[in-house]
Amino acid sequence: MALRFGTDVCTATTDYGTVLLDQRTGQYWELNPTATLVVSTLMAGGDEDDATNALVREFDVTPAQARDDVTALIGELRAGGLAA
């Protein structure tokens, strides 16, 4: 399932990953390169399997750990009200 940020969320890519700003609360979220890859994959229309596979290809991580990381990140973004 593709990831969509709320209309009040701005993103900026940095040398260290991605920064998200929730304009409603003024809260910043800093995503490391791993989370940035997950978010980029999902925003490009990929699903959780695509994001998991991207992590396995790019980083030294098992498929099970990659899947857990993808699921956790999506849950945190949704719980924080940043993504749908």
Protein backbone atom coordinates (compact mmCIF):
# COMPACT_ATOMS: atom_id res chain seq x y z
CA MET A 1 0.00 0.00 0.00
CA ALA A 2 1.37 3.41 -0.96
CA LEU A 3 2.14 5.86 1.83
CA ARG A 4 0.61 9.30 1.86
CA PHE A 5 1.57 12.08 4.22
CA GLY A 6 -1.06 14.47 5.50
CA THR A 7 -1.39 17.84 3.80
CA ASP A 8 0.18 19.50 6.85
CA VAL A 9 3.38 17.44 6.61
CA CYS A 10 6.41 18.87 4.79
CA THR A 11 9.43 16.79 3.84
CA ALA A 12 13.03 17.75 3.18
CA THR A 13 15.88 15.50 2.14
CA THR A 14 19.19 16.07 3.91
CA ASP A 15 22.64 14.51 3.75
CA TYR A 16 21.61 12.27 6.64
CA GLY A 17 18.13 11.17 5.58
CA THR A 18 14.80 12.97 5.56
CA VAL A 19 13.20 15.48 7.89
CA LEU A 20 9.44 15.64 8.31
CA LEU A 21 7.67 18.67 9.76
CA ASP A 22 4.16 18.37 11.12
CA GLN A 23 2.94 21.94 10.64
CA ARG A 24 -0.04 21.37 12.92
CA THR A 25 2.14 20.67 15.95
CA GLY A 26 5.52 22.09 14.94
CA GLN A 27 7.07 18.69 15.63
CA TYR A 28 10.03 17.53 13.54
CA TRP A 29 10.77 13.90 12.76
CA GLU A 30 14.22 12.94 11.50
CA LEU A 31 14.38 9.78 9.41
CA ASN A 32 17.69 7.98 9.06
CA PRO A 33 18.75 6.55 5.66
CA THR A 34 16.98 3.26 6.39
CA ALA A 35 13.66 4.94 7.15
CA THR A 36 14.16 7.28 4.20
CA LEU A 37 14.48 4.29 1.86
CA VAL A 38 11.29 2.77 3.27
CA VAL A 39 9.34 6.03 2.96
CA SER A 40 10.67 6.69 -0.56
CA THR A 41 9.68 3.22 -1.70
CA LEU A 42 6.18 3.52 -0.26
CA MET A 43 5.62 7.04 -1.57
CA ALA A 44 6.63 5.87 -5.03
CA GLY A 45 3.72 3.43 -4.94
CA GLY A 46 5.51 0.39 -3.54
CA ASP A 47 4.04 -1.79 -0.86
CA GLU A 48 5.49 -3.20 2.36
CA ASP A 49 7.07 -6.12 0.48
CA ASP A 50 8.81 -3.70 -1.89
CA ALA A 51 10.13 -1.67 1.05
CA THR A 52 11.29 -4.84 2.82
CA ASN A 53 13.11 -6.03 -0.29
CA ALA A 54 14.73 -2.61 -0.76
CA LEU A 55 16.12 -2.75 2.79
CA VAL A 56 17.49 -6.26 2.28
CA ARG A 57 19.21 -5.20 -0.96
CA GLU A 58 20.67 -1.99 0.47
CA PHE A 59 21.58 -2.91 4.04
CA ASP A 60 22.99 -5.91 5.90
CA VAL A 61 19.66 -7.04 7.35
CA THR A 62 17.60 -10.22 7.26
CA PRO A 63 14.22 -10.23 5.54
CA ALA A 64 12.50 -10.81 8.91
CA GLN A 65 14.24 -7.83 10.53
CA ALA A 66 13.56 -5.66 7.49
CA ARG A 67 9.86 -6.56 7.60
CA ASP A 68 9.69 -5.76 11.32
CA ASP A 69 11.39 -2.41 10.71
CA VAL A 70 9.02 -1.50 7.86
CA THR A 71 5.97 -2.42 9.93
CA ALA A 72 7.24 -0.47 12.96
CA LEU A 73 8.03 2.66 10.93
CA ILE A 74 4.64 2.70 9.23
CA GLY A 75 2.96 2.22 12.59
CA GLU A 76 4.91 5.11 14.13
CA LEU A 77 4.13 7.46 11.23
CA ARG A 78 0.45 6.63 11.41
CA ALA A 79 0.32 6.84 15.22
CA GLY A 80 2.00 10.23 15.01
CA GLY A 81 -0.71 11.41 12.62
CA LEU A 82 1.77 12.00 9.81
CA ALA A 83 0.66 9.36 7.34
CA ALA A 84 -2.40 7.54 6.13
